[in-house]
């Protein structure tokens, strides 16, 4: 209320000047000169209207302007918060962007380390697998060699028997065969006679 009092006087003066400027126009419309009583009533009417306007302004304007000022202040405060958040997000984004090269280099280093470890793991697994395959192949070769030796011995034995049989057939004639048979019978009878003697 006290803030509007200094502004009330200029408002009333402006309204008064507007009415004074409008008075000759009203008088010209009526076509006759205005009487002094009429002029006084016009001024009284003006004072009442101006007083009512001033009273409404004094009564309602402070609350309106205070509410409006509160809205503006809250909007400014909200805008300040939003600006602070936006600034924080901008700074965070700039910091991330600044650290992006370091993060990329760190990720590349980690990828290189992982790749080297994977290569070593694959090489170790390959060596183990090669050793297993070599051991299995050695065992198969040894088994095949043993089998081949057994087959070779059997073949050699069979061939030796066949060769001995062929040699015997070639060397033993029917006459030699009869002599061998006779000699065998003689040995049997000799052995049989000794077995029949009492001791």
Protein backbone atom coordinates (compact mmCIF):
# COMPACT_ATOMS: atom_id res chain seq x y z
CA UNK A 1 0.00 0.00 0.00
CA UNK A 2 2.72 2.45 0.96
CA UNK A 3 4.60 1.57 -2.23
CA UNK A 4 1.63 2.54 -4.41
CA UNK A 5 0.93 5.92 -2.80
CA UNK A 6 3.72 7.73 -4.64
CA UNK A 7 2.45 6.26 -7.93
CA UNK A 8 -1.20 7.19 -7.17
CA UNK A 9 -0.76 10.94 -7.60
CA UNK A 10 0.70 10.74 -11.12
CA UNK A 11 -2.10 8.36 -12.16
CA UNK A 12 -4.74 10.78 -10.89
CA UNK A 13 -3.06 13.70 -12.63
CA UNK A 14 -2.97 11.84 -15.94
CA UNK A 15 -6.66 10.97 -15.61
CA UNK A 16 -7.44 14.62 -14.85
CA UNK A 17 -5.58 15.86 -17.90
CA UNK A 18 -7.41 13.34 -20.06
CA UNK A 19 -10.77 14.65 -18.81
CA UNK A 20 -9.75 18.24 -19.31
CA UNK A 21 -8.74 17.46 -22.83
CA UNK A 22 -12.04 15.67 -23.42
CA UNK A 23 -14.21 18.51 -21.92
CA UNK A 24 -14.14 20.80 -25.00
CA UNK A 25 -15.12 17.86 -27.19
CA UNK A 26 -18.13 17.11 -24.96
CA UNK A 27 -19.11 20.79 -24.96
CA UNK A 28 -18.92 21.00 -28.75
CA UNK A 29 -21.20 17.98 -29.07
CA UNK A 30 -23.89 19.58 -26.98
CA UNK A 31 -23.70 22.68 -29.11
CA UNK A 32 -23.98 25.12 -26.26
CA UNK A 33 -21.63 26.51 -23.70
CA UNK A 34 -21.29 24.49 -20.55
CA UNK A 35 -22.63 26.03 -17.38
CA UNK A 36 -20.40 26.35 -14.33
CA UNK A 37 -22.63 23.99 -12.33
CA UNK A 38 -22.31 21.40 -15.04
CA UNK A 39 -18.56 21.80 -15.00
CA UNK A 40 -18.48 21.29 -11.25
CA UNK A 41 -20.60 18.15 -11.57
CA UNK A 42 -18.30 16.87 -14.26
CA UNK A 43 -15.33 17.46 -11.97
CA UNK A 44 -17.09 15.73 -9.11
CA UNK A 45 -17.96 12.84 -11.41
CA UNK A 46 -14.37 12.72 -12.52
CA UNK A 47 -13.14 12.75 -8.93
CA UNK A 48 -15.50 9.89 -8.00
CA UNK A 49 -14.46 7.78 -11.00
CA UNK A 50 -10.78 8.59 -10.49
CA UNK A 51 -11.12 7.88 -6.75
CA UNK A 52 -12.80 4.53 -7.45
CA UNK A 53 -10.10 3.63 -9.98
CA UNK A 54 -7.39 4.72 -7.55
CA UNK A 55 -9.02 2.82 -4.68
CA UNK A 56 -9.24 -0.36 -6.81
CA UNK A 57 -5.64 0.12 -7.85
CA UNK A 58 -4.53 0.68 -4.25
CA UNK A 59 -6.58 -2.24 -2.94
CA UNK A 60 -6.06 -4.88 -5.65
CA UNK A 61 -2.83 -3.90 -7.39
CA UNK A 62 -0.43 -4.72 -4.53
CA UNK A 63 -1.76 -8.26 -4.19
CA UNK A 64 -1.75 -8.71 -7.97
CA UNK A 65 1.75 -7.33 -8.37
CA UNK A 66 3.00 -9.25 -5.32
CA UNK A 67 1.56 -12.50 -6.73
CA UNK A 68 3.02 -11.69 -10.11
CA UNK A 69 6.37 -10.84 -8.53
CA UNK A 70 6.27 -14.14 -6.62
CA UNK A 71 5.51 -16.03 -9.83
CA UNK A 72 8.32 -14.25 -11.62
CA UNK A 73 10.71 -14.89 -8.72
CA UNK A 74 9.77 -18.58 -8.60
CA UNK A 75 10.12 -18.80 -12.38
CA UNK A 76 13.55 -17.13 -12.12
CA UNK A 77 14.53 -19.53 -9.32
CA UNK A 78 13.30 -22.51 -11.33
CA UNK A 79 15.15 -21.24 -14.39
CA UNK A 80 18.25 -20.87 -12.22
CA UNK A 81 17.92 -24.47 -11.05
CA UNK A 82 17.39 -25.69 -14.60
CA UNK A 83 20.37 -23.64 -15.76
CA UNK A 84 22.49 -25.05 -12.93
CA UNK A 85 21.46 -28.58 -13.87
CA UNK A 86 22.16 -27.89 -17.53
CA UNK A 87 25.55 -26.42 -16.63
CA UNK A 88 26.35 -29.46 -14.48
CA UNK A 89 25.33 -31.80 -17.32
CA UNK A 90 27.38 -29.74 -19.77
CA UNK A 91 30.43 -29.87 -17.49
CA UNK A 92 29.97 -33.61 -17.00
CA UNK A 93 29.68 -34.11 -20.76
CA UNK A 94 32.78 -31.98 -21.35
CA UNK A 95 34.67 -33.96 -18.71
CA UNK A 96 33.57 -37.23 -20.28
CA UNK A 97 34.57 -35.93 -23.66
CA UNK A 98 37.95 -34.87 -22.29
CA UNK A 99 38.42 -38.29 -20.68
CA UNK A 100 37.12 -40.10 -23.75
CA UNK A 101 40.56 -40.39 -25.37
CA UNK A 102 42.03 -41.84 -22.16
CA UNK A 103 39.12 -44.25 -21.80
CA UNK A 104 39.50 -45.37 -25.42
CA UNK A 105 43.24 -45.89 -24.93
CA UNK A 106 42.56 -47.83 -21.73
CA UNK A 107 40.00 -49.99 -23.54
CA UNK A 108 42.47 -50.62 -26.35
CA UNK A 109 45.15 -51.61 -23.83
CA UNK A 110 42.72 -53.97 -22.09
CA UNK A 111 41.76 -55.45 -25.47
CA UNK A 112 45.45 -55.93 -26.35
CA UNK A 113 46.13 -57.60 -22.98
CA UNK A 114 43.09 -59.83 -23.39
CA UNK A 115 44.12 -60.74 -26.93
CA UNK A 116 47.68 -61.60 -25.80
CA UNK A 117 46.33 -63.73 -22.94
CA UNK A 118 43.95 -65.47 -25.36
CA UNK A 119 46.83 -66.13 -27.79
CA UNK A 120 48.91 -67.63 -24.97
CA UNK A 121 45.98 -69.74 -23.82
CA UNK A 122 45.35 -70.98 -27.38
CA UNK A 123 49.07 -71.74 -27.85
CA UNK A 124 49.18 -73.68 -24.58
CA UNK A 125 46.02 -75.57 -25.50
CA UNK A 126 47.47 -76.29 -28.95
CA UNK A 127 50.73 -77.61 -27.42
CA UNK A 128 48.79 -79.81 -25.01
CA UNK A 129 46.61 -81.11 -27.83
CA UNK A 130 49.66 -81.73 -30.03
CA UNK A 131 51.35 -83.62 -27.18
CA UNK A 132 48.23 -85.73 -26.70
CA UNK A 133 48.00 -86.43 -30.43
CA UNK A 134 51.72 -87.28 -30.57
CA UNK A 135 51.41 -89.61 -27.57
CA UNK A 136 48.36 -91.29 -29.10
CA UNK A 137 50.16 -91.62 -32.44
CA UNK A 138 53.24 -93.09 -30.70
CA UNK A 139 51.05 -95.61 -28.89
CA UNK A 140 49.31 -96.53 -32.15
CA UNK A 141 52.66 -96.91 -33.91
CA UNK A 142 53.99 -99.07 -31.05
CA UNK A 143 50.84 -101.21 -31.13
CA UNK A 144 51.08 -101.50 -34.92
CA UNK A 145 54.80 -102.42 -34.62
CA UNK A 146 54.03 -105.10 -32.01
CA UNK A 147 51.27 -106.45 -34.22
CA UNK A 148 53.57 -106.39 -37.22
CA UNK A 149 56.32 -108.22 -35.23
CA UNK A 150 53.83 -110.88 -34.15
CA UNK A 151 52.62 -111.27 -37.71
CA UNK A 152 56.22 -111.30 -38.94
CA UNK A 153 57.17 -114.04 -36.44
CA UNK A 154 54.12 -116.04 -37.41
CA UNK A 155 54.96 -115.59 -41.07
CA UNK A 156 58.61 -116.47 -40.46
CA UNK A 157 57.59 -119.56 -38.49
CA UNK A 158 55.16 -120.64 -41.17
CA UNK A 159 57.71 -120.00 -43.91
CA UNK A 160 60.38 -121.86 -41.90
CA UNK A 161 58.07 -124.82 -41.48
CA UNK A 162 57.12 -124.76 -45.14
CA UNK A 163 60.80 -124.48 -46.13
CA UNK A 164 61.83 -127.26 -43.78
CA UNK A 165 58.99 -129.37 -45.08
CA UNK A 166 60.05 -128.68 -48.64
CA UNK A 167 63.70 -129.48 -47.81
CA UNK A 168 62.67 -132.67 -46.06
CA UNK A 169 60.50 -133.74 -48.97
CA UNK A 170 63.29 -133.02 -51.37
CA UNK A 171 65.90 -134.90 -49.33
CA UNK A 172 63.85 -137.83 -48.07
CA UNK A 173 63.41 -140.40 -50.77
CA UNK A 174 61.18 -143.46 -50.46
CA UNK A 175 64.21 -145.60 -49.64
CA UNK A 176 65.37 -143.19 -46.93
CA UNK A 177 61.86 -143.15 -45.61
CA UNK A 178 61.82 -146.93 -45.34
CA UNK A 179 65.16 -146.83 -43.55
CA UNK A 180 63.92 -144.26 -41.10
CA UNK A 181 60.82 -146.34 -40.48
CA UNK A 182 62.84 -149.44 -39.85
CA UNK A 183 65.17 -147.57 -37.55
CA UNK A 184 62.21 -146.19 -35.64
CA UNK A 185 60.70 -149.64 -35.24
CA UNK A 186 64.02 -150.94 -34.02
CA UNK A 187 64.24 -148.27 -31.41
CA UNK A 188 60.71 -149.06 -30.29
CA UNK A 189 61.39 -152.72 -29.92
CA UNK A 190 64.64 -152.03 -28.15
CA UNK A 191 62.92 -149.61 -25.79
CA UNK A 192 59.99 -151.94 -25.35
CA UNK A 193 62.32 -154.89 -24.47
CA UNK A 194 64.14 -152.85 -21.86
CA UNK A 195 60.90 -151.71 -20.36
CA UNK A 196 59.77 -155.40 -20.04
CA UNK A 197 62.87 -156.48 -18.06
CA UNK A 198 62.64 -156.69 -14.28
CA UNK A 199 65.14 -154.74 -12.28
